[in-house]
N, C-alpha and C. Protein backbone atom coordinates (compact mmCIF):
# COMPACT_ATOMS: atom_id res chain seq x y z
N MET A 1 0.79 -1.12 0.09
CA MET A 1 0.06 0.00 -0.02
C MET A 1 0.70 1.34 -0.12
N ILE A 2 0.49 2.05 -0.86
CA ILE A 2 1.22 3.47 -0.93
C ILE A 2 0.26 4.57 -0.54
N THR A 3 0.94 5.22 0.64
CA THR A 3 -0.07 6.40 1.26
C THR A 3 0.86 7.52 1.49
N VAL A 4 0.34 8.55 1.24
CA VAL A 4 0.70 9.96 1.45
C VAL A 4 0.24 10.47 2.67
N THR A 5 0.94 10.81 3.67
CA THR A 5 0.42 11.63 4.83
C THR A 5 0.91 12.96 5.05
N MET A 6 0.18 13.80 5.43
CA MET A 6 0.63 15.21 5.73
C MET A 6 -0.33 15.82 7.00
N LYS A 7 0.36 16.73 7.70
CA LYS A 7 -0.07 17.46 8.73
C LYS A 7 -0.91 18.75 8.18
N ASP A 8 -2.14 18.72 8.36
CA ASP A 8 -3.08 20.08 7.91
C ASP A 8 -2.83 20.84 8.89
N ASN A 9 -1.93 21.97 8.87
CA ASN A 9 -1.81 22.85 9.82
C ASN A 9 -3.11 23.87 9.95
N PHE A 10 -3.91 24.05 9.12
CA PHE A 10 -5.03 24.81 8.93
C PHE A 10 -6.09 24.31 10.17
N PHE A 11 -6.17 23.19 9.88
CA PHE A 11 -7.45 22.52 10.58
C PHE A 11 -7.13 21.94 12.00
N SER A 12 -5.59 21.87 12.28
CA SER A 12 -5.03 21.30 13.52
C SER A 12 -5.60 22.37 14.57
N GLY A 13 -6.06 21.87 15.87
CA GLY A 13 -6.09 22.58 16.88
C GLY A 13 -7.54 23.30 17.19
N TRP A 14 -8.52 23.03 16.37
CA TRP A 14 -9.90 23.61 16.32
C TRP A 14 -10.82 22.79 15.81
N GLY A 15 -12.04 22.90 15.89
CA GLY A 15 -13.21 22.31 15.15
C GLY A 15 -13.29 20.93 15.77
N PRO A 16 -13.41 19.78 14.88
CA PRO A 16 -13.22 18.52 15.20
C PRO A 16 -11.84 17.95 15.86
N ALA A 17 -10.96 18.98 15.44
CA ALA A 17 -9.28 18.75 15.64
C ALA A 17 -9.05 19.45 16.90
N LYS A 18 -9.77 19.83 17.78
CA LYS A 18 -9.55 20.67 18.85
C LYS A 18 -8.69 19.82 19.83
N ASN A 19 -7.67 20.38 20.19
CA ASN A 19 -6.53 20.00 20.97
C ASN A 19 -5.84 18.66 20.52
N LEU A 20 -5.94 18.73 18.97
CA LEU A 20 -5.51 17.47 18.26
C LEU A 20 -4.67 18.03 17.06
N VAL A 21 -3.78 17.15 16.35
CA VAL A 21 -3.10 17.52 15.24
C VAL A 21 -4.02 16.69 14.14
N ASN A 22 -4.29 17.38 12.99
CA ASN A 22 -5.09 17.03 12.02
C ASN A 22 -4.27 16.42 10.90
N ILE A 23 -4.18 15.06 10.49
CA ILE A 23 -3.55 14.34 9.68
C ILE A 23 -4.49 14.01 8.24
N PHE A 24 -3.94 14.27 7.14
CA PHE A 24 -4.81 13.89 6.10
C PHE A 24 -3.92 12.70 5.32
N MET A 25 -4.39 11.85 5.21
CA MET A 25 -3.82 10.57 4.51
C MET A 25 -4.67 10.07 3.40
N VAL A 26 -3.89 10.00 2.31
CA VAL A 26 -4.46 9.62 1.00
C VAL A 26 -3.70 8.15 0.49
N HIS A 27 -4.50 7.24 0.21
CA HIS A 27 -4.16 5.95 -0.21
C HIS A 27 -4.08 5.88 -1.75
N CYS A 28 -3.07 5.64 -2.17
CA CYS A 28 -2.87 5.53 -3.65
C CYS A 28 -2.72 4.13 -4.18
N ASN A 29 -2.71 4.10 -5.63
CA ASN A 29 -2.99 2.63 -6.18
C ASN A 29 -1.40 2.56 -6.80
N SER A 30 -0.68 3.60 -7.10
CA SER A 30 0.72 3.61 -7.76
C SER A 30 1.74 4.79 -6.99
N PHE A 31 2.91 4.43 -7.26
CA PHE A 31 3.92 5.32 -6.86
C PHE A 31 3.70 6.81 -7.49
N GLU A 32 3.34 6.81 -8.94
CA GLU A 32 2.87 7.90 -9.62
C GLU A 32 2.03 8.66 -9.02
N GLU A 33 0.78 8.07 -8.59
CA GLU A 33 -0.33 8.64 -7.93
C GLU A 33 0.12 9.47 -6.58
N ALA A 34 0.94 8.77 -6.05
CA ALA A 34 1.61 9.34 -4.68
C ALA A 34 2.44 10.44 -4.89
N GLU A 35 3.19 10.25 -5.96
CA GLU A 35 4.14 11.59 -6.26
C GLU A 35 3.18 12.74 -6.60
N LYS A 36 2.05 12.62 -7.29
CA LYS A 36 1.15 13.68 -7.75
C LYS A 36 0.57 14.34 -6.46
N ILE A 37 0.04 13.42 -5.58
CA ILE A 37 -0.42 14.04 -4.34
C ILE A 37 0.63 14.71 -3.43
N GLU A 38 1.90 14.36 -3.23
CA GLU A 38 3.03 14.80 -2.70
C GLU A 38 3.20 16.10 -3.23
N ALA A 39 3.30 16.23 -4.51
CA ALA A 39 3.68 17.58 -5.28
C ALA A 39 2.66 18.53 -4.93
N HIS A 40 1.52 18.27 -5.06
CA HIS A 40 0.56 19.37 -4.63
C HIS A 40 0.32 19.68 -3.23
N ALA A 41 0.55 18.68 -2.37
CA ALA A 41 0.69 18.82 -0.84
C ALA A 41 1.71 19.90 -0.57
N LYS A 42 2.79 19.60 -1.25
CA LYS A 42 3.91 20.47 -0.86
C LYS A 42 3.79 21.98 -1.43
N ASN A 43 2.84 22.18 -2.35
CA ASN A 43 2.65 23.50 -2.98
C ASN A 43 1.40 24.05 -2.02
N ARG A 44 0.84 23.35 -1.04
CA ARG A 44 -0.24 24.01 -0.30
C ARG A 44 0.33 24.53 1.04
N SER A 45 0.39 26.11 1.28
CA SER A 45 1.01 26.42 2.65
C SER A 45 0.58 25.85 3.90
N GLU A 46 -0.84 25.47 3.92
CA GLU A 46 -1.21 24.79 5.17
C GLU A 46 -0.92 23.42 5.46
N MET A 47 -0.29 22.71 4.38
CA MET A 47 0.14 21.26 4.41
C MET A 47 1.52 21.14 4.97
N GLY A 48 2.04 20.32 5.95
CA GLY A 48 3.40 20.19 6.17
C GLY A 48 3.64 18.63 6.59
N ALA A 49 4.76 18.43 6.68
CA ALA A 49 5.30 17.03 6.96
C ALA A 49 4.76 15.98 5.94
N VAL A 50 4.99 16.37 4.59
CA VAL A 50 4.38 15.45 3.59
C VAL A 50 5.40 14.26 3.47
N ARG A 51 4.74 13.11 3.54
CA ARG A 51 5.57 12.02 3.21
C ARG A 51 4.79 10.81 2.26
N ILE A 52 5.66 10.27 1.66
CA ILE A 52 5.14 9.07 0.96
C ILE A 52 5.56 7.73 1.75
N ARG A 53 4.61 7.00 2.07
CA ARG A 53 4.92 5.71 2.67
C ARG A 53 4.64 4.54 1.91
N ASP A 54 5.41 3.52 1.70
CA ASP A 54 5.26 2.28 0.95
C ASP A 54 5.27 1.38 1.99
N THR A 55 4.17 0.90 2.74
CA THR A 55 4.11 -0.20 3.83
C THR A 55 3.01 -1.18 3.37
N VAL A 56 2.99 -2.18 4.08
CA VAL A 56 1.96 -3.22 4.06
C VAL A 56 0.61 -2.71 4.71
N VAL A 57 0.80 -2.11 5.87
CA VAL A 57 -0.40 -1.48 6.64
C VAL A 57 -0.42 -0.11 6.60
N SER A 58 -1.68 0.54 6.85
CA SER A 58 -1.81 1.96 7.05
C SER A 58 -1.03 2.49 8.21
N PRO A 59 -0.23 3.73 8.35
CA PRO A 59 0.09 4.27 9.34
C PRO A 59 -0.52 4.40 10.36
N TYR A 60 -0.13 4.09 11.68
CA TYR A 60 -1.15 4.20 12.89
C TYR A 60 -0.78 5.73 13.60
N TYR A 61 -1.97 6.33 13.87
CA TYR A 61 -1.88 7.49 14.61
C TYR A 61 -2.83 7.38 15.83
N SER A 62 -2.35 7.60 17.08
CA SER A 62 -3.14 7.47 18.17
C SER A 62 -4.27 8.48 18.35
N ARG A 63 -5.57 8.12 18.47
CA ARG A 63 -6.72 8.84 18.57
C ARG A 63 -6.78 9.97 19.69
N ARG A 64 -5.83 10.01 20.59
CA ARG A 64 -5.65 10.76 21.77
C ARG A 64 -5.00 11.96 21.29
N LEU A 65 -4.04 12.01 20.29
CA LEU A 65 -3.31 13.18 19.71
C LEU A 65 -3.47 13.64 18.32
N TYR A 66 -4.38 12.63 17.61
CA TYR A 66 -4.56 12.93 16.01
C TYR A 66 -5.82 12.70 15.73
N LEU A 67 -6.33 13.61 14.72
CA LEU A 67 -7.58 13.36 14.15
C LEU A 67 -6.93 13.37 12.66
N VAL A 68 -7.32 11.85 12.08
CA VAL A 68 -7.03 11.44 10.71
C VAL A 68 -8.14 11.46 9.86
N THR A 69 -7.87 12.01 8.69
CA THR A 69 -8.96 12.02 7.55
C THR A 69 -8.51 11.02 6.63
N GLU A 70 -8.84 9.99 6.22
CA GLU A 70 -8.48 9.14 5.20
C GLU A 70 -9.30 9.18 3.87
N LYS A 71 -8.57 9.15 2.81
CA LYS A 71 -9.42 9.04 1.53
C LYS A 71 -8.50 8.26 0.44
N ASP A 72 -9.18 7.83 -0.35
CA ASP A 72 -8.53 7.13 -1.56
C ASP A 72 -8.38 8.07 -2.50
N TYR A 73 -7.23 7.72 -3.42
CA TYR A 73 -6.74 8.79 -4.52
C TYR A 73 -8.06 8.85 -5.49
N ASP A 74 -8.75 7.62 -5.61
CA ASP A 74 -9.98 7.73 -6.86
C ASP A 74 -11.07 8.71 -6.33
N ASP A 75 -11.09 9.06 -4.93
CA ASP A 75 -12.24 9.92 -4.51
C ASP A 75 -11.72 11.36 -4.48
N LEU A 76 -10.58 11.90 -4.78
CA LEU A 76 -10.19 13.06 -4.64
C LEU A 76 -10.58 13.89 -5.76
N GLY A 77 -10.71 15.25 -5.65
CA GLY A 77 -10.91 16.04 -6.84
C GLY A 77 -9.96 16.30 -7.82
N PRO A 78 -10.05 17.26 -8.75
CA PRO A 78 -8.95 17.41 -9.76
C PRO A 78 -7.87 18.34 -9.19
N ILE A 79 -8.15 19.00 -8.18
CA ILE A 79 -7.03 19.92 -7.61
C ILE A 79 -5.86 19.05 -6.95
N TRP A 80 -6.24 17.91 -6.40
CA TRP A 80 -5.25 17.22 -5.76
C TRP A 80 -4.64 16.23 -6.84
N LYS A 81 -5.27 15.94 -7.88
CA LYS A 81 -4.80 15.02 -9.02
C LYS A 81 -3.83 15.90 -10.03
N GLY A 82 -4.08 17.06 -9.96
CA GLY A 82 -3.20 17.86 -11.00
C GLY A 82 -3.94 18.10 -12.34
N GLU A 83 -5.15 17.55 -12.20
CA GLU A 83 -5.91 17.80 -13.49
C GLU A 83 -6.30 19.16 -14.02
N LEU A 84 -6.21 20.07 -13.08
CA LEU A 84 -6.50 21.46 -13.43
C LEU A 84 -5.25 22.25 -14.06
N ASP A 85 -4.07 21.51 -13.87
CA ASP A 85 -2.94 21.98 -14.25
C ASP A 85 -2.64 21.82 -15.81
N GLU A 86 -3.34 20.90 -16.29
CA GLU A 86 -3.08 20.47 -17.79
C GLU A 86 -3.72 21.44 -18.67
């Protein structure tokens, strides 16, 4: 499984993530998809600690410290996939 994880600095600390770090996790079907997500995340000022992880299982984050939003690559909009850049 190839996963891209990032810290969403904008949503961390308030709303559903009050007193938590908000992590956005995208499950990708290929390394090419993961690289697209990584590139777009690094261009967004609110995203930090962007990492591609190639692991058998999804990364674990403690619910006491983190709010994790998980998405599949196929469910993301064109902004994340770079389709608006073409």
